[in-house]
């Protein structure tokens, strides 16, 4: 199965259960669902998030690889005004520095494959 086909399937299940609910109505909508459906919503959301986290990790790894010392001031992070790839990833993702470090480390092993 193609990578995005799996994500589309998970999102399709969520869409069919939740409908086109506005963000501010999400809690109310999920709260009105039967227990077994709430469990399925959590499982489908988790599966989609896991797949998207893989994309984020690979992209963070590529950013780190393109920002290596050998690239110097021409490295991706430097060109974008950052001293390190972690700083760039942190700005893009809005995460903590620790989370950005983990994404870069995790992505470092997957970006090459």
PDB file of N, CA and C in Angstrom:
ATOM      1  N   UNK A   1       0.840  -1.179   0.000  1.00  0.00           N
ATOM      2  CA  UNK A   1       0.000   0.000   0.000  1.00  0.00           C
ATOM      3  C   UNK A   1       0.885   1.242   0.000  1.00  0.00           C
ATOM      4  N   UNK A   2       0.502   2.213  -0.793  1.00  0.00           N
ATOM      5  CA  UNK A   2       1.232   3.476  -0.823  1.00  0.00           C
ATOM      6  C   UNK A   2       1.137   4.161   0.535  1.00  0.00           C
ATOM      7  N   UNK A   3       2.169   4.913   0.842  1.00  0.00           N
ATOM      8  CA  UNK A   3       2.252   5.594   2.130  1.00  0.00           C
ATOM      9  C   UNK A   3       1.031   6.467   2.396  1.00  0.00           C
ATOM     10  N   UNK A   4       0.681   7.325   1.442  1.00  0.00           N
ATOM     11  CA  UNK A   4      -0.424   8.250   1.670  1.00  0.00           C
ATOM     12  C   UNK A   4      -1.790   7.586   1.559  1.00  0.00           C
ATOM     13  N   UNK A   5      -1.857   6.441   0.910  1.00  0.00           N
ATOM     14  CA  UNK A   5      -3.123   5.717   0.852  1.00  0.00           C
ATOM     15  C   UNK A   5      -3.546   5.298   2.251  1.00  0.00           C
ATOM     16  N   UNK A   6      -2.592   4.821   3.048  1.00  0.00           N
ATOM     17  CA  UNK A   6      -2.883   4.446   4.434  1.00  0.00           C
ATOM     18  C   UNK A   6      -3.369   5.627   5.253  1.00  0.00           C
ATOM     19  N   UNK A   7      -2.696   6.756   5.102  1.00  0.00           N
ATOM     20  CA  UNK A   7      -3.106   7.957   5.829  1.00  0.00           C
ATOM     21  C   UNK A   7      -4.503   8.377   5.387  1.00  0.00           C
ATOM     22  N   UNK A   8      -4.744   8.354   4.078  1.00  0.00           N
ATOM     23  CA  UNK A   8      -6.066   8.711   3.561  1.00  0.00           C
ATOM     24  C   UNK A   8      -7.154   7.804   4.130  1.00  0.00           C
ATOM     25  N   UNK A   9      -6.846   6.522   4.281  1.00  0.00           N
ATOM     26  CA  UNK A   9      -7.839   5.602   4.833  1.00  0.00           C
ATOM     27  C   UNK A   9      -8.163   5.947   6.281  1.00  0.00           C
ATOM     28  N   UNK A  10      -7.139   6.240   7.074  1.00  0.00           N
ATOM     29  CA  UNK A  10      -7.373   6.609   8.474  1.00  0.00           C
ATOM     30  C   UNK A  10      -8.178   7.907   8.565  1.00  0.00           C
ATOM     31  N   UNK A  11      -7.809   8.876   7.747  1.00  0.00           N
ATOM     32  CA  UNK A  11      -8.539  10.141   7.748  1.00  0.00           C
ATOM     33  C   UNK A  11      -9.970   9.953   7.255  1.00  0.00           C
ATOM     34  N   UNK A  12     -10.156   9.048   6.301  1.00  0.00           N
ATOM     35  CA  UNK A  12     -11.502   8.761   5.804  1.00  0.00           C
ATOM     36  C   UNK A  12     -12.402   8.193   6.887  1.00  0.00           C
ATOM     37  N   UNK A  13     -11.858   7.310   7.699  1.00  0.00           N
ATOM     38  CA  UNK A  13     -12.635   6.759   8.815  1.00  0.00           C
ATOM     39  C   UNK A  13     -13.013   7.882   9.783  1.00  0.00           C
ATOM     40  N   UNK A  14     -12.029   8.712  10.110  1.00  0.00           N
ATOM     41  CA  UNK A  14     -12.302   9.824  11.026  1.00  0.00           C
ATOM     42  C   UNK A  14     -13.356  10.763  10.450  1.00  0.00           C
ATOM     43  N   UNK A  15     -13.238  11.063   9.164  1.00  0.00           N
ATOM     44  CA  UNK A  15     -14.200  11.955   8.507  1.00  0.00           C
ATOM     45  C   UNK A  15     -15.596  11.344   8.504  1.00  0.00           C
ATOM     46  N   UNK A  16     -15.681  10.036   8.261  1.00  0.00           N
ATOM     47  CA  UNK A  16     -16.998   9.397   8.214  1.00  0.00           C
ATOM     48  C   UNK A  16     -17.647   9.356   9.594  1.00  0.00           C
ATOM     49  N   UNK A  17     -16.851   9.238  10.634  1.00  0.00           N
ATOM     50  CA  UNK A  17     -17.392   9.194  11.994  1.00  0.00           C
ATOM     51  C   UNK A  17     -17.717  10.591  12.514  1.00  0.00           C
ATOM     52  N   UNK A  18     -16.831  11.535  12.251  1.00  0.00           N
ATOM     53  CA  UNK A  18     -16.960  12.868  12.839  1.00  0.00           C
ATOM     54  C   UNK A  18     -17.651  13.874  11.928  1.00  0.00           C
ATOM     55  N   UNK A  19     -17.657  13.622  10.636  1.00  0.00           N
ATOM     56  CA  UNK A  19     -18.241  14.576   9.705  1.00  0.00           C
ATOM     57  C   UNK A  19     -17.371  15.808   9.566  1.00  0.00           C
ATOM     58  N   UNK A  20     -17.945  16.850   9.050  1.00  0.00           N
ATOM     59  CA  UNK A  20     -17.217  18.110   8.864  1.00  0.00           C
ATOM     60  C   UNK A  20     -17.413  19.003  10.080  1.00  0.00           C
ATOM     61  N   UNK A  21     -17.007  18.501  11.215  1.00  0.00           N
ATOM     62  CA  UNK A  21     -17.188  19.213  12.476  1.00  0.00           C
ATOM     63  C   UNK A  21     -16.179  20.365  12.568  1.00  0.00           C
ATOM     64  N   UNK A  22     -16.640  21.547  12.981  1.00  0.00           N
ATOM     65  CA  UNK A  22     -15.674  22.639  13.201  1.00  0.00           C
ATOM     66  C   UNK A  22     -14.796  22.324  14.412  1.00  0.00           C
ATOM     67  N   UNK A  23     -13.599  22.852  14.422  1.00  0.00           N
ATOM     68  CA  UNK A  23     -12.647  22.571  15.504  1.00  0.00           C
ATOM     69  C   UNK A  23     -13.244  22.827  16.877  1.00  0.00           C
ATOM     70  N   UNK A  24     -14.024  23.905  16.989  1.00  0.00           N
ATOM     71  CA  UNK A  24     -14.591  24.233  18.301  1.00  0.00           C
ATOM     72  C   UNK A  24     -15.690  23.259  18.729  1.00  0.00           C
ATOM     73  N   UNK A  25     -16.197  22.455  17.813  1.00  0.00           N
ATOM     74  CA  UNK A  25     -17.231  21.479  18.153  1.00  0.00           C
ATOM     75  C   UNK A  25     -16.709  20.057  18.274  1.00  0.00           C
ATOM     76  N   UNK A  26     -15.407  19.873  18.129  1.00  0.00           N
ATOM     77  CA  UNK A  26     -14.824  18.539  18.127  1.00  0.00           C
ATOM     78  C   UNK A  26     -15.057  17.800  19.448  1.00  0.00           C
ATOM     79  N   UNK A  27     -14.782  18.443  20.556  1.00  0.00           N
ATOM     80  CA  UNK A  27     -14.945  17.782  21.862  1.00  0.00           C
ATOM     81  C   UNK A  27     -16.389  17.352  22.079  1.00  0.00           C
ATOM     82  N   UNK A  28     -17.308  18.200  21.718  1.00  0.00           N
ATOM     83  CA  UNK A  28     -18.730  17.882  21.889  1.00  0.00           C
ATOM     84  C   UNK A  28     -19.128  16.700  20.995  1.00  0.00           C
ATOM     85  N   UNK A  29     -18.628  16.699  19.765  1.00  0.00           N
ATOM     86  CA  UNK A  29     -18.952  15.630  18.824  1.00  0.00           C
ATOM     87  C   UNK A  29     -18.395  14.290  19.295  1.00  0.00           C
ATOM     88  N   UNK A  30     -17.131  14.272  19.683  1.00  0.00           N
ATOM     89  CA  UNK A  30     -16.528  13.029  20.162  1.00  0.00           C
ATOM     90  C   UNK A  30     -17.191  12.589  21.470  1.00  0.00           C
ATOM     91  N   UNK A  31     -17.516  13.539  22.319  1.00  0.00           N
ATOM     92  CA  UNK A  31     -18.172  13.225  23.586  1.00  0.00           C
ATOM     93  C   UNK A  31     -19.532  12.572  23.423  1.00  0.00           C
ATOM     94  N   UNK A  32     -20.179  12.788  22.308  1.00  0.00           N
ATOM     95  CA  UNK A  32     -21.505  12.221  22.064  1.00  0.00           C
ATOM     96  C   UNK A  32     -21.437  10.821  21.434  1.00  0.00           C
ATOM     97  N   UNK A  33     -20.246  10.365  21.093  1.00  0.00           N
ATOM     98  CA  UNK A  33     -20.094   9.063  20.435  1.00  0.00           C
ATOM     99  C   UNK A  33     -20.149   7.922  21.448  1.00  0.00           C
ATOM    100  N   UNK A  34     -20.595   6.744  21.010  1.00  0.00           N
ATOM    101  CA  UNK A  34     -20.548   5.562  21.880  1.00  0.00           C
ATOM    102  C   UNK A  34     -19.103   5.165  22.187  1.00  0.00           C
ATOM    103  N   UNK A  35     -18.897   4.456  23.276  1.00  0.00           N
ATOM    104  CA  UNK A  35     -17.553   4.088  23.723  1.00  0.00           C
ATOM    105  C   UNK A  35     -16.717   3.415  22.640  1.00  0.00           C
ATOM    106  N   UNK A  36     -17.282   2.423  21.951  1.00  0.00           N
ATOM    107  CA  UNK A  36     -16.499   1.689  20.959  1.00  0.00           C
ATOM    108  C   UNK A  36     -16.075   2.594  19.802  1.00  0.00           C
ATOM    109  N   UNK A  37     -16.883   3.584  19.481  1.00  0.00           N
ATOM    110  CA  UNK A  37     -16.539   4.514  18.402  1.00  0.00           C
ATOM    111  C   UNK A  37     -15.455   5.482  18.863  1.00  0.00           C
ATOM    112  N   UNK A  38     -15.508   5.907  20.113  1.00  0.00           N
ATOM    113  CA  UNK A  38     -14.459   6.786  20.655  1.00  0.00           C
ATOM    114  C   UNK A  38     -13.121   6.057  20.609  1.00  0.00           C
ATOM    115  N   UNK A  39     -13.117   4.775  20.964  1.00  0.00           N
ATOM    116  CA  UNK A  39     -11.885   3.985  20.916  1.00  0.00           C
ATOM    117  C   UNK A  39     -11.379   3.893  19.473  1.00  0.00           C
ATOM    118  N   UNK A  40     -12.272   3.702  18.535  1.00  0.00           N
ATOM    119  CA  UNK A  40     -11.861   3.627  17.120  1.00  0.00           C
ATOM    120  C   UNK A  40     -11.317   4.974  16.646  1.00  0.00           C
ATOM    121  N   UNK A  41     -11.945   6.064  17.060  1.00  0.00           N
ATOM    122  CA  UNK A  41     -11.458   7.398  16.690  1.00  0.00           C
ATOM    123  C   UNK A  41     -10.030   7.585  17.186  1.00  0.00           C
ATOM    124  N   UNK A  42      -9.774   7.204  18.424  1.00  0.00           N
ATOM    125  CA  UNK A  42      -8.417   7.340  18.967  1.00  0.00           C
ATOM    126  C   UNK A  42      -7.428   6.470  18.198  1.00  0.00           C
ATOM    127  N   UNK A  43      -7.818   5.237  17.882  1.00  0.00           N
ATOM    128  CA  UNK A  43      -6.925   4.333  17.148  1.00  0.00           C
ATOM    129  C   UNK A  43      -6.627   4.866  15.748  1.00  0.00           C
ATOM    130  N   UNK A  44      -7.632   5.355  15.050  1.00  0.00           N
ATOM    131  CA  UNK A  44      -7.431   5.877  13.692  1.00  0.00           C
ATOM    132  C   UNK A  44      -6.585   7.150  13.723  1.00  0.00           C
ATOM    133  N   UNK A  45      -6.857   8.028  14.673  1.00  0.00           N
ATOM    134  CA  UNK A  45      -6.068   9.265  14.788  1.00  0.00           C
ATOM    135  C   UNK A  45      -4.613   8.932  15.101  1.00  0.00           C
ATOM    136  N   UNK A  46      -4.391   7.967  15.979  1.00  0.00           N
ATOM    137  CA  UNK A  46      -3.030   7.573  16.339  1.00  0.00           C
ATOM    138  C   UNK A  46      -2.296   6.993  15.147  1.00  0.00           C
ATOM    139  N   UNK A  47      -2.970   6.166  14.358  1.00  0.00           N
ATOM    140  CA  UNK A  47      -2.335   5.578  13.171  1.00  0.00           C
ATOM    141  C   UNK A  47      -1.935   6.669  12.178  1.00  0.00           C
ATOM    142  N   UNK A  48      -2.808   7.646  11.965  1.00  0.00           N
ATOM    143  CA  UNK A  48      -2.485   8.745  11.042  1.00  0.00           C
ATOM    144  C   UNK A  48      -1.329   9.578  11.579  1.00  0.00           C
ATOM    145  N   UNK A  49      -1.350   9.874  12.862  1.00  0.00           N
ATOM    146  CA  UNK A  49      -0.293  10.676  13.481  1.00  0.00           C
ATOM    147  C   UNK A  49       1.050   9.957  13.396  1.00  0.00           C
ATOM    148  N   UNK A  50       1.049   8.659  13.632  1.00  0.00           N
ATOM    149  CA  UNK A  50       2.283   7.875  13.555  1.00  0.00           C
ATOM    150  C   UNK A  50       2.897   7.973  12.162  1.00  0.00           C
ATOM    151  N   UNK A  51       2.068   7.851  11.144  1.00  0.00           N
ATOM    152  CA  UNK A  51       2.562   7.968   9.771  1.00  0.00           C
ATOM    153  C   UNK A  51       3.090   9.368   9.489  1.00  0.00           C
ATOM    154  N   UNK A  52       2.367  10.378   9.925  1.00  0.00           N
ATOM    155  CA  UNK A  52       2.807  11.751   9.692  1.00  0.00           C
ATOM    156  C   UNK A  52       4.059  12.081  10.498  1.00  0.00           C
ATOM    157  N   UNK A  53       4.194  11.489  11.685  1.00  0.00           N
ATOM    158  CA  UNK A  53       5.424  11.667  12.455  1.00  0.00           C
ATOM    159  C   UNK A  53       6.628  11.118  11.704  1.00  0.00           C
ATOM    160  N   UNK A  54       6.429  10.041  10.958  1.00  0.00           N
ATOM    161  CA  UNK A  54       7.522   9.483  10.154  1.00  0.00           C
ATOM    162  C   UNK A  54       7.954  10.477   9.085  1.00  0.00           C
ATOM    163  N   UNK A  55       6.986  11.135   8.457  1.00  0.00           N
ATOM    164  CA  UNK A  55       7.310  12.152   7.450  1.00  0.00           C
ATOM    165  C   UNK A  55       8.097  13.287   8.092  1.00  0.00           C
ATOM    166  N   UNK A  56       7.639  13.733   9.257  1.00  0.00           N
ATOM    167  CA  UNK A  56       8.313  14.828   9.957  1.00  0.00           C
ATOM    168  C   UNK A  56       9.736  14.434  10.328  1.00  0.00           C
ATOM    169  N   UNK A  57       9.922  13.222  10.812  1.00  0.00           N
ATOM    170  CA  UNK A  57      11.258  12.774  11.207  1.00  0.00           C
ATOM    171  C   UNK A  57      12.196  12.706  10.006  1.00  0.00           C
ATOM    172  N   UNK A  58      11.720  12.175   8.906  1.00  0.00           N
ATOM    173  CA  UNK A  58      12.561  12.096   7.709  1.00  0.00           C
ATOM    174  C   UNK A  58      12.933  13.500   7.232  1.00  0.00           C
ATOM    175  N   UNK A  59      11.959  14.411   7.216  1.00  0.00           N
ATOM    176  CA  UNK A  59      12.248  15.783   6.780  1.00  0.00           C
ATOM    177  C   UNK A  59      13.257  16.445   7.722  1.00  0.00           C
ATOM    178  N   UNK A  60      13.122  16.216   9.028  1.00  0.00           N
ATOM    179  CA  UNK A  60      14.083  16.773   9.990  1.00  0.00           C
ATOM    180  C   UNK A  60      15.476  16.204   9.742  1.00  0.00           C
ATOM    181  N   UNK A  61      15.539  14.922   9.411  1.00  0.00           N
ATOM    182  CA  UNK A  61      16.828  14.303   9.105  1.00  0.00           C
ATOM    183  C   UNK A  61      17.460  14.872   7.852  1.00  0.00           C
ATOM    184  N   UNK A  62      16.659  15.133   6.841  1.00  0.00           N
ATOM    185  CA  UNK A  62      17.168  15.732   5.608  1.00  0.00           C
ATOM    186  C   UNK A  62      17.665  17.150   5.888  1.00  0.00           C
ATOM    187  N   UNK A  63      16.909  17.897   6.683  1.00  0.00           N
ATOM    188  CA  UNK A  63      17.345  19.244   7.064  1.00  0.00           C
ATOM    189  C   UNK A  63      18.696  19.169   7.772  1.00  0.00           C
ATOM    190  N   UNK A  64      18.839  18.215   8.693  1.00  0.00           N
ATOM    191  CA  UNK A  64      20.112  18.064   9.411  1.00  0.00           C
ATOM    192  C   UNK A  64      21.243  17.708   8.454  1.00  0.00           C
ATOM    193  N   UNK A  65      20.980  16.785   7.538  1.00  0.00           N
ATOM    194  CA  UNK A  65      22.017  16.381   6.586  1.00  0.00           C
ATOM    195  C   UNK A  65      22.431  17.547   5.691  1.00  0.00           C
ATOM    196  N   UNK A  66      21.484  18.355   5.295  1.00  0.00           N
ATOM    197  CA  UNK A  66      21.785  19.489   4.415  1.00  0.00           C
ATOM    198  C   UNK A  66      22.337  20.694   5.175  1.00  0.00           C
ATOM    199  N   UNK A  67      22.392  20.567   6.494  1.00  0.00           N
ATOM    200  CA  UNK A  67      22.905  21.660   7.326  1.00  0.00           C
ATOM    201  C   UNK A  67      24.214  21.279   7.995  1.00  0.00           C
ATOM    202  N   UNK A  68      24.847  20.217   7.529  1.00  0.00           N
ATOM    203  CA  UNK A  68      26.075  19.729   8.142  1.00  0.00           C
ATOM    204  C   UNK A  68      27.214  20.736   8.082  1.00  0.00           C
ATOM    205  N   UNK A  69      28.201  20.479   8.898  1.00  0.00           N
ATOM    206  CA  UNK A  69      29.363  21.380   8.974  1.00  0.00           C
ATOM    207  C   UNK A  69      30.038  21.558   7.621  1.00  0.00           C
ATOM    208  N   UNK A  70      30.052  20.497   6.819  1.00  0.00           N
ATOM    209  CA  UNK A  70      30.716  20.592   5.525  1.00  0.00           C
ATOM    210  C   UNK A  70      30.031  21.592   4.599  1.00  0.00           C
ATOM    211  N   UNK A  71      28.749  21.878   4.851  1.00  0.00           N
ATOM    212  CA  UNK A  71      28.028  22.857   4.024  1.00  0.00           C
ATOM    213  C   UNK A  71      28.330  24.291   4.460  1.00  0.00           C
ATOM    214  N   UNK A  72      28.810  24.428   5.687  1.00  0.00           N
ATOM    215  CA  UNK A  72      29.151  25.762   6.193  1.00  0.00           C
ATOM    216  C   UNK A  72      27.984  26.729   6.135  1.00  0.00           C
ATOM    217  N   UNK A  73      28.260  27.957   5.709  1.00  0.00           N
ATOM    218  CA  UNK A  73      27.224  28.990   5.648  1.00  0.00           C
ATOM    219  C   UNK A  73      26.210  28.740   4.537  1.00  0.00           C
ATOM    220  N   UNK A  74      26.501  27.817   3.649  1.00  0.00           N
ATOM    221  CA  UNK A  74      25.574  27.477   2.572  1.00  0.00           C
ATOM    222  C   UNK A  74      24.602  26.366   2.994  1.00  0.00           C
ATOM    223  N   UNK A  75      24.742  25.871   4.231  1.00  0.00           N
ATOM    224  CA  UNK A  75      23.853  24.820   4.722  1.00  0.00           C
ATOM    225  C   UNK A  75      22.419  25.324   4.852  1.00  0.00           C
ATOM    226  N   UNK A  76      21.477  24.398   4.795  1.00  0.00           N
ATOM    227  CA  UNK A  76      20.063  24.746   4.798  1.00  0.00           C
ATOM    228  C   UNK A  76      19.667  25.597   6.004  1.00  0.00           C
ATOM    229  N   UNK A  77      20.061  25.191   7.197  1.00  0.00           N
ATOM    230  CA  UNK A  77      19.703  25.960   8.391  1.00  0.00           C
ATOM    231  C   UNK A  77      20.329  27.357   8.361  1.00  0.00           C
ATOM    232  N   UNK A  78      21.605  27.430   7.992  1.00  0.00           N
ATOM    233  CA  UNK A  78      22.305  28.716   7.951  1.00  0.00           C
ATOM    234  C   UNK A  78      21.662  29.662   6.943  1.00  0.00           C
ATOM    235  N   UNK A  79      21.336  29.149   5.785  1.00  0.00           N
ATOM    236  CA  UNK A  79      20.723  29.980   4.741  1.00  0.00           C
ATOM    237  C   UNK A  79      19.385  30.536   5.229  1.00  0.00           C
ATOM    238  N   UNK A  80      18.711  29.788   6.080  1.00  0.00           N
ATOM    239  CA  UNK A  80      17.410  30.219   6.607  1.00  0.00           C
ATOM    240  C   UNK A  80      17.537  31.020   7.892  1.00  0.00           C
ATOM    241  N   UNK A  81      18.763  31.382   8.237  1.00  0.00           N
ATOM    242  CA  UNK A  81      18.987  32.256   9.388  1.00  0.00           C
ATOM    243  C   UNK A  81      19.090  31.544  10.724  1.00  0.00           C
ATOM    244  N   UNK A  82      19.395  30.256  10.712  1.00  0.00           N
ATOM    245  CA  UNK A  82      19.510  29.488  11.955  1.00  0.00           C
ATOM    246  C   UNK A  82      20.919  28.968  12.123  1.00  0.00           C
ATOM    247  N   UNK A  83      21.341  28.873  13.369  1.00  0.00           N
ATOM    248  CA  UNK A  83      22.687  28.373  13.654  1.00  0.00           C
ATOM    249  C   UNK A  83      22.766  26.860  13.547  1.00  0.00           C
ATOM    250  N   UNK A  84      21.633  26.194  13.706  1.00  0.00           N
ATOM    251  CA  UNK A  84      21.644  24.734  13.695  1.00  0.00           C
ATOM    252  C   UNK A  84      20.359  24.196  13.065  1.00  0.00           C
ATOM    253  N   UNK A  85      20.395  22.946  12.616  1.00  0.00           N
ATOM    254  CA  UNK A  85      19.169  22.345  12.095  1.00  0.00           C
ATOM    255  C   UNK A  85      18.113  22.197  13.180  1.00  0.00           C
ATOM    256  N   UNK A  86      18.542  21.987  14.404  1.00  0.00           N
ATOM    257  CA  UNK A  86      17.587  21.867  15.513  1.00  0.00           C
ATOM    258  C   UNK A  86      16.786  23.152  15.656  1.00  0.00           C
ATOM    259  N   UNK A  87      17.451  24.276  15.570  1.00  0.00           N
ATOM    260  CA  UNK A  87      16.775  25.567  15.676  1.00  0.00           C
ATOM    261  C   UNK A  87      15.750  25.756  14.551  1.00  0.00           C
ATOM    262  N   UNK A  88      16.115  25.369  13.354  1.00  0.00           N
ATOM    263  CA  UNK A  88      15.190  25.474  12.222  1.00  0.00           C
ATOM    264  C   UNK A  88      13.994  24.551  12.414  1.00  0.00           C
ATOM    265  N   UNK A  89      14.248  23.300  12.802  1.00  0.00           N
ATOM    266  CA  UNK A  89      13.159  22.341  13.034  1.00  0.00           C
ATOM    267  C   UNK A  89      12.252  22.843  14.154  1.00  0.00           C
ATOM    268  N   UNK A  90      12.841  23.385  15.204  1.00  0.00           N
ATOM    269  CA  UNK A  90      12.057  23.911  16.315  1.00  0.00           C
ATOM    270  C   UNK A  90      11.137  25.043  15.855  1.00  0.00           C
ATOM    271  N   UNK A  91      11.668  25.927  15.040  1.00  0.00           N
ATOM    272  CA  UNK A  91      10.841  27.040  14.556  1.00  0.00           C
ATOM    273  C   UNK A  91       9.697  26.541  13.677  1.00  0.00           C
ATOM    274  N   UNK A  92       9.996  25.621  12.776  1.00  0.00           N
ATOM    275  CA  UNK A  92       8.977  25.125  11.854  1.00  0.00           C
ATOM    276  C   UNK A  92       7.891  24.349  12.590  1.00  0.00           C
ATOM    277  N   UNK A  93       8.299  23.482  13.527  1.00  0.00           N
ATOM    278  CA  UNK A  93       7.341  22.601  14.194  1.00  0.00           C
ATOM    279  C   UNK A  93       6.673  23.228  15.409  1.00  0.00           C
ATOM    280  N   UNK A  94       7.280  24.266  15.946  1.00  0.00           N
ATOM    281  CA  UNK A  94       6.716  24.890  17.141  1.00  0.00           C
ATOM    282  C   UNK A  94       6.883  24.042  18.384  1.00  0.00           C
ATOM    283  N   UNK A  95       7.841  23.116  18.362  1.00  0.00           N
ATOM    284  CA  UNK A  95       8.074  22.237  19.500  1.00  0.00           C
ATOM    285  C   UNK A  95       9.163  22.798  20.401  1.00  0.00           C
ATOM    286  N   UNK A  96       9.403  22.092  21.479  1.00  0.00           N
ATOM    287  CA  UNK A  96      10.493  22.473  22.368  1.00  0.00           C
ATOM    288  C   UNK A  96      11.820  22.106  21.722  1.00  0.00           C
ATOM    289  N   UNK A  97      12.893  22.643  22.276  1.00  0.00           N
ATOM    290  CA  UNK A  97      14.219  22.312  21.747  1.00  0.00           C
ATOM    291  C   UNK A  97      14.486  20.814  21.903  1.00  0.00           C
ATOM    292  N   UNK A  98      14.107  20.248  23.019  1.00  0.00           N
ATOM    293  CA  UNK A  98      14.300  18.818  23.239  1.00  0.00           C
ATOM    294  C   UNK A  98      13.574  17.969  22.212  1.00  0.00           C
ATOM    295  N   UNK A  99      12.340  18.339  21.892  1.00  0.00           N
ATOM    296  CA  UNK A  99      11.584  17.604  20.874  1.00  0.00           C
ATOM    297  C   UNK A  99      12.227  17.758  19.499  1.00  0.00           C
ATOM    298  N   UNK A 100      12.722  18.947  19.207  1.00  0.00           N
ATOM    299  CA  UNK A 100      13.389  19.177  17.917  1.00  0.00           C
ATOM    300  C   UNK A 100      14.671  18.346  17.830  1.00  0.00           C
ATOM    301  N   UNK A 101      15.417  18.262  18.916  1.00  0.00           N
ATOM    302  CA  UNK A 101      16.630  17.437  18.951  1.00  0.00           C
ATOM    303  C   UNK A 101      16.266  15.983  18.667  1.00  0.00           C
ATOM    304  N   UNK A 102      15.200  15.488  19.305  1.00  0.00           N
ATOM    305  CA  UNK A 102      14.770  14.103  19.080  1.00  0.00           C
ATOM    306  C   UNK A 102      14.361  13.873  17.630  1.00  0.00           C
ATOM    307  N   UNK A 103      13.657  14.842  17.036  1.00  0.00           N
ATOM    308  CA  UNK A 103      13.251  14.691  15.636  1.00  0.00           C
ATOM    309  C   UNK A 103      14.469  14.629  14.720  1.00  0.00           C
ATOM    310  N   UNK A 104      15.435  15.488  14.955  1.00  0.00           N
ATOM    311  CA  UNK A 104      16.647  15.493  14.135  1.00  0.00           C
ATOM    312  C   UNK A 104      17.407  14.180  14.307  1.00  0.00           C
ATOM    313  N   UNK A 105      17.540  13.703  15.526  1.00  0.00           N
ATOM    314  CA  UNK A 105      18.250  12.431  15.771  1.00  0.00           C
ATOM    315  C   UNK A 105      17.521  11.265  15.117  1.00  0.00           C
ATOM    316  N   UNK A 106      16.212  11.213  15.319  1.00  0.00           N
ATOM    317  CA  UNK A 106      15.410  10.140  14.731  1.00  0.00           C
ATOM    318  C   UNK A 106      15.474  10.179  13.212  1.00  0.00           C
ATOM    319  N   UNK A 107      15.355  11.370  12.668  1.00  0.00           N
ATOM    320  CA  UNK A 107      15.392  11.525  11.224  1.00  0.00           C
ATOM    321  C   UNK A 107      16.750  11.282  10.616  1.00  0.00           C
ATOM    322  N   UNK A 108      17.796  11.438  11.415  1.00  0.00           N
ATOM    323  CA  UNK A 108      19.150  11.211  10.903  1.00  0.00           C
ATOM    324  C   UNK A 108      19.354   9.802  10.389  1.00  0.00           C
ATOM    325  N   UNK A 109      18.726   8.850  11.030  1.00  0.00           N
ATOM    326  CA  UNK A 109      18.868   7.467  10.594  1.00  0.00           C
ATOM    327  C   UNK A 109      17.938   7.109   9.438  1.00  0.00           C
ATOM    328  N   UNK A 110      16.822   7.821   9.328  1.00  0.00           N
ATOM    329  CA  UNK A 110      15.837   7.463   8.292  1.00  0.00           C
ATOM    330  C   UNK A 110      16.021   8.259   7.017  1.00  0.00           C
ATOM    331  N   UNK A 111      16.665   9.405   7.087  1.00  0.00           N
ATOM    332  CA  UNK A 111      16.788  10.274   5.901  1.00  0.00           C
ATOM    333  C   UNK A 111      17.683   9.643   4.847  1.00  0.00           C
ATOM    334  N   UNK A 112      18.557   8.778   5.253  1.00  0.00           N
ATOM    335  CA  UNK A 112      19.489   8.152   4.309  1.00  0.00           C
ATOM    336  C   UNK A 112      18.848   6.977   3.572  1.00  0.00           C
ATOM    337  N   UNK A 113      17.818   6.369   4.209  1.00  0.00           N
ATOM    338  CA  UNK A 113      17.231   5.164   3.653  1.00  0.00           C
ATOM    339  C   UNK A 113      16.226   5.451   2.655  1.00  0.00           C
TER     340      UNK A 113
END
